Amino acid sequence: RPLSAVPLVALAGFGLYELGCPGVAKCVEIGLPQLVLLVFVSQYLPHLFHSGKHIFDRFAVLFTVVIVWIYAHLLTVGGAYNDSAPKTQMSCRT
């Protein structure tokens, strides 16, 4: 049963991602690394660090948001969006 339920839930979740987070879905440069990092922090880091506390399980979204915000800030300061369209600048810059 998990083998058939996981793809169904994943496809439904990815299909609704743009409706749930319109600001992130408009900027692929920020949104895609955030998704990959969220899966890594929530699924792989708890198995790498076997501590008694479940910090990475509980605060995976917070860690991911902080890391991706710093990444977006570095892109903004570095001038990655200076020559982009105004719509891209509004959704991707910090």
N, C-alpha and C. Protein backbone atom coordinates (compact mmCIF):
# COMPACT_ATOMS: atom_id res chain seq x y z
N ARG A 1 0.80 -1.20 0.00
CA ARG A 1 0.00 0.00 0.00
C ARG A 1 0.84 1.27 0.00
N PRO A 2 1.93 1.34 0.79
CA PRO A 2 2.73 2.57 0.75
C PRO A 2 3.33 2.83 -0.63
N LEU A 3 3.57 1.75 -1.36
CA LEU A 3 4.16 1.91 -2.68
C LEU A 3 3.21 2.63 -3.64
N SER A 4 1.93 2.46 -3.46
CA SER A 4 0.98 3.16 -4.33
C SER A 4 0.52 4.48 -3.73
N ALA A 5 0.57 4.64 -2.43
CA ALA A 5 0.10 5.87 -1.80
C ALA A 5 1.11 7.01 -1.91
N VAL A 6 2.38 6.69 -1.82
CA VAL A 6 3.40 7.74 -1.84
C VAL A 6 3.42 8.50 -3.17
N PRO A 7 3.43 7.84 -4.33
CA PRO A 7 3.40 8.63 -5.58
C PRO A 7 2.13 9.45 -5.73
N LEU A 8 1.01 8.92 -5.26
CA LEU A 8 -0.25 9.66 -5.36
C LEU A 8 -0.21 10.93 -4.52
N VAL A 9 0.25 10.83 -3.30
CA VAL A 9 0.34 12.00 -2.43
C VAL A 9 1.38 12.98 -2.95
N ALA A 10 2.51 12.47 -3.44
CA ALA A 10 3.56 13.35 -3.97
C ALA A 10 3.07 14.12 -5.19
N LEU A 11 2.42 13.45 -6.12
CA LEU A 11 1.92 14.14 -7.31
C LEU A 11 0.84 15.15 -6.97
N ALA A 12 -0.03 14.82 -6.04
CA ALA A 12 -1.05 15.79 -5.62
C ALA A 12 -0.40 16.99 -4.93
N GLY A 13 0.60 16.75 -4.11
CA GLY A 13 1.29 17.84 -3.42
C GLY A 13 2.06 18.73 -4.37
N PHE A 14 2.76 18.13 -5.32
CA PHE A 14 3.52 18.93 -6.28
C PHE A 14 2.59 19.71 -7.20
N GLY A 15 1.44 19.17 -7.51
CA GLY A 15 0.47 19.87 -8.35
C GLY A 15 -0.13 21.08 -7.66
N LEU A 16 -0.25 21.02 -6.34
CA LEU A 16 -0.83 22.12 -5.58
C LEU A 16 0.22 23.07 -5.03
N TYR A 17 1.47 22.83 -5.33
CA TYR A 17 2.54 23.65 -4.79
C TYR A 17 2.41 25.10 -5.21
N GLU A 18 2.05 25.33 -6.46
CA GLU A 18 1.93 26.71 -6.95
C GLU A 18 0.78 27.45 -6.27
N LEU A 19 -0.27 26.74 -5.93
CA LEU A 19 -1.39 27.39 -5.24
C LEU A 19 -1.06 27.67 -3.78
N GLY A 20 -0.31 26.78 -3.16
CA GLY A 20 0.02 26.94 -1.74
C GLY A 20 1.09 27.97 -1.50
N CYS A 21 2.04 28.07 -2.35
CA CYS A 21 3.15 29.00 -2.18
C CYS A 21 3.40 29.74 -3.49
N PRO A 22 2.55 30.69 -3.85
CA PRO A 22 2.70 31.34 -5.16
C PRO A 22 3.99 32.14 -5.31
N GLY A 23 4.49 32.69 -4.23
CA GLY A 23 5.72 33.46 -4.32
C GLY A 23 6.93 32.60 -4.62
N VAL A 24 6.97 31.42 -4.04
CA VAL A 24 8.10 30.51 -4.25
C VAL A 24 7.99 29.82 -5.59
N ALA A 25 6.79 29.51 -6.01
CA ALA A 25 6.61 28.80 -7.28
C ALA A 25 6.93 29.69 -8.48
N LYS A 26 6.86 31.00 -8.31
CA LYS A 26 7.17 31.92 -9.41
C LYS A 26 8.67 32.04 -9.65
N CYS A 27 9.47 31.69 -8.68
CA CYS A 27 10.92 31.81 -8.79
C CYS A 27 11.55 30.42 -8.66
N VAL A 28 11.87 29.82 -9.78
CA VAL A 28 12.42 28.46 -9.79
C VAL A 28 13.81 28.44 -9.17
N GLU A 29 14.57 29.50 -9.32
CA GLU A 29 15.93 29.54 -8.77
C GLU A 29 15.95 29.43 -7.26
N ILE A 30 14.86 29.84 -6.62
CA ILE A 30 14.76 29.77 -5.17
C ILE A 30 13.89 28.58 -4.75
N GLY A 31 12.81 28.33 -5.45
CA GLY A 31 11.87 27.29 -5.07
C GLY A 31 12.40 25.88 -5.19
N LEU A 32 13.11 25.58 -6.27
CA LEU A 32 13.63 24.22 -6.46
C LEU A 32 14.71 23.86 -5.44
N PRO A 33 15.69 24.74 -5.17
CA PRO A 33 16.64 24.40 -4.10
C PRO A 33 15.97 24.25 -2.74
N GLN A 34 14.91 25.00 -2.50
CA GLN A 34 14.22 24.88 -1.23
C GLN A 34 13.56 23.51 -1.09
N LEU A 35 12.94 23.02 -2.15
CA LEU A 35 12.33 21.69 -2.09
C LEU A 35 13.36 20.60 -1.88
N VAL A 36 14.46 20.68 -2.63
CA VAL A 36 15.51 19.66 -2.50
C VAL A 36 16.12 19.70 -1.11
N LEU A 37 16.38 20.89 -0.61
CA LEU A 37 16.96 21.03 0.72
C LEU A 37 16.00 20.57 1.81
N LEU A 38 14.71 20.82 1.63
CA LEU A 38 13.72 20.38 2.60
C LEU A 38 13.68 18.85 2.68
N VAL A 39 13.71 18.19 1.55
CA VAL A 39 13.73 16.72 1.56
C VAL A 39 15.01 16.22 2.20
N PHE A 40 16.13 16.84 1.89
CA PHE A 40 17.40 16.41 2.47
C PHE A 40 17.43 16.58 3.99
N VAL A 41 17.00 17.75 4.46
CA VAL A 41 17.05 18.03 5.90
C VAL A 41 16.04 17.16 6.66
N SER A 42 14.87 16.96 6.11
CA SER A 42 13.85 16.22 6.84
C SER A 42 14.01 14.71 6.74
N GLN A 43 14.60 14.22 5.66
CA GLN A 43 14.66 12.77 5.48
C GLN A 43 16.04 12.16 5.71
N TYR A 44 17.11 12.89 5.37
CA TYR A 44 18.44 12.30 5.43
C TYR A 44 19.26 12.73 6.64
N LEU A 45 19.16 13.98 7.05
CA LEU A 45 19.94 14.44 8.19
C LEU A 45 19.61 13.73 9.51
N PRO A 46 18.35 13.41 9.79
CA PRO A 46 18.09 12.67 11.04
C PRO A 46 18.78 11.31 11.09
N HIS A 47 19.00 10.70 9.93
CA HIS A 47 19.67 9.40 9.90
C HIS A 47 21.19 9.53 9.98
N LEU A 48 21.71 10.68 9.58
CA LEU A 48 23.16 10.89 9.67
C LEU A 48 23.60 11.23 11.09
N PHE A 49 22.79 12.02 11.78
CA PHE A 49 23.09 12.40 13.15
C PHE A 49 22.13 11.68 14.09
N HIS A 50 22.61 10.67 14.76
CA HIS A 50 21.76 9.86 15.64
C HIS A 50 21.79 10.42 17.05
N SER A 51 21.14 11.54 17.23
CA SER A 51 21.05 12.11 18.57
C SER A 51 19.69 11.76 19.18
N GLY A 52 19.58 11.89 20.47
CA GLY A 52 18.33 11.59 21.14
C GLY A 52 17.25 12.61 20.85
N LYS A 53 17.64 13.79 20.42
CA LYS A 53 16.68 14.84 20.11
C LYS A 53 16.31 14.75 18.63
N HIS A 54 15.11 15.12 18.34
CA HIS A 54 14.62 15.06 16.96
C HIS A 54 14.55 16.47 16.37
N ILE A 55 15.68 17.15 16.38
CA ILE A 55 15.71 18.55 15.95
C ILE A 55 15.45 18.66 14.45
N PHE A 56 16.09 17.82 13.65
CA PHE A 56 15.94 17.93 12.20
C PHE A 56 14.56 17.46 11.76
N ASP A 57 13.95 16.56 12.50
CA ASP A 57 12.59 16.14 12.16
C ASP A 57 11.59 17.25 12.43
N ARG A 58 11.74 17.92 13.54
CA ARG A 58 10.74 18.91 13.97
C ARG A 58 10.92 20.27 13.31
N PHE A 59 12.15 20.67 13.06
CA PHE A 59 12.41 22.02 12.57
C PHE A 59 13.00 22.05 11.17
N ALA A 60 12.68 21.07 10.35
CA ALA A 60 13.23 20.99 9.00
C ALA A 60 12.79 22.19 8.15
N VAL A 61 11.55 22.59 8.26
CA VAL A 61 11.06 23.72 7.46
C VAL A 61 11.74 25.01 7.89
N LEU A 62 11.91 25.22 9.18
CA LEU A 62 12.56 26.44 9.65
C LEU A 62 14.02 26.50 9.20
N PHE A 63 14.75 25.39 9.33
CA PHE A 63 16.13 25.36 8.87
C PHE A 63 16.21 25.64 7.37
N THR A 64 15.31 25.05 6.61
CA THR A 64 15.31 25.24 5.16
C THR A 64 15.00 26.68 4.77
N VAL A 65 14.03 27.28 5.43
CA VAL A 65 13.67 28.66 5.11
C VAL A 65 14.84 29.60 5.40
N VAL A 66 15.52 29.40 6.51
CA VAL A 66 16.66 30.26 6.85
C VAL A 66 17.78 30.10 5.84
N ILE A 67 18.12 28.88 5.49
CA ILE A 67 19.21 28.63 4.53
C ILE A 67 18.88 29.19 3.16
N VAL A 68 17.65 28.99 2.70
CA VAL A 68 17.27 29.48 1.37
C VAL A 68 17.13 31.00 1.36
N TRP A 69 16.72 31.60 2.48
CA TRP A 69 16.67 33.05 2.52
C TRP A 69 18.07 33.64 2.41
N ILE A 70 19.03 33.04 3.09
CA ILE A 70 20.42 33.50 2.98
C ILE A 70 20.92 33.33 1.55
N TYR A 71 20.58 32.22 0.92
CA TYR A 71 20.94 31.97 -0.49
C TYR A 71 20.32 33.04 -1.40
N ALA A 72 19.05 33.35 -1.20
CA ALA A 72 18.39 34.37 -2.00
C ALA A 72 19.00 35.75 -1.76
N HIS A 73 19.37 36.02 -0.53
CA HIS A 73 20.00 37.30 -0.22
C HIS A 73 21.36 37.42 -0.91
N LEU A 74 22.13 36.34 -0.92
CA LEU A 74 23.41 36.36 -1.62
C LEU A 74 23.23 36.55 -3.12
N LEU A 75 22.20 35.96 -3.70
CA LEU A 75 21.92 36.18 -5.12
C LEU A 75 21.53 37.63 -5.38
N THR A 76 20.75 38.20 -4.49
CA THR A 76 20.33 39.60 -4.65
C THR A 76 21.51 40.55 -4.53
N VAL A 77 22.32 40.35 -3.51
CA VAL A 77 23.49 41.22 -3.32
C VAL A 77 24.49 41.06 -4.45
N GLY A 78 24.61 39.84 -4.96
CA GLY A 78 25.53 39.58 -6.06
C GLY A 78 25.07 40.13 -7.40
N GLY A 79 23.83 40.60 -7.48
CA GLY A 79 23.33 41.20 -8.71
C GLY A 79 22.81 40.20 -9.71
N ALA A 80 22.35 39.05 -9.26
CA ALA A 80 21.87 38.02 -10.17
C ALA A 80 20.59 38.43 -10.89
N TYR A 81 19.80 39.33 -10.29
CA TYR A 81 18.52 39.71 -10.88
C TYR A 81 18.48 41.14 -11.38
N ASN A 82 19.62 41.77 -11.56
CA ASN A 82 19.64 43.16 -11.99
C ASN A 82 19.08 43.35 -13.39
N ASP A 83 19.34 42.43 -14.29
CA ASP A 83 18.88 42.56 -15.67
C ASP A 83 17.66 41.70 -15.96
N SER A 84 16.98 41.22 -14.94
CA SER A 84 15.79 40.38 -15.12
C SER A 84 14.54 41.23 -15.28
N ALA A 85 13.47 40.56 -15.66
CA ALA A 85 12.18 41.25 -15.80
C ALA A 85 11.70 41.72 -14.44
N PRO A 86 10.90 42.78 -14.39
CA PRO A 86 10.40 43.27 -13.10
C PRO A 86 9.60 42.24 -12.31
N LYS A 87 8.86 41.38 -13.00
CA LYS A 87 8.09 40.33 -12.32
C LYS A 87 9.02 39.34 -11.62
N THR A 88 10.12 38.99 -12.27
CA THR A 88 11.10 38.08 -11.67
C THR A 88 11.78 38.75 -10.50
N GLN A 89 12.10 40.02 -10.63
CA GLN A 89 12.73 40.73 -9.54
C GLN A 89 11.83 40.81 -8.31
N MET A 90 10.53 40.98 -8.52
CA MET A 90 9.60 41.06 -7.40
C MET A 90 9.48 39.74 -6.65
N SER A 91 9.57 38.62 -7.35
CA SER A 91 9.36 37.34 -6.70
C SER A 91 10.65 36.67 -6.23
N CYS A 92 11.80 37.07 -6.75
CA CYS A 92 13.05 36.38 -6.42
C CYS A 92 13.98 37.16 -5.49
N ARG A 93 13.88 38.45 -5.48
CA ARG A 93 14.79 39.24 -4.65
C ARG A 93 14.37 39.29 -3.19
N THR A 94 15.36 39.47 -2.31
CA THR A 94 15.04 39.63 -0.90
C THR A 94 14.90 41.09 -0.57
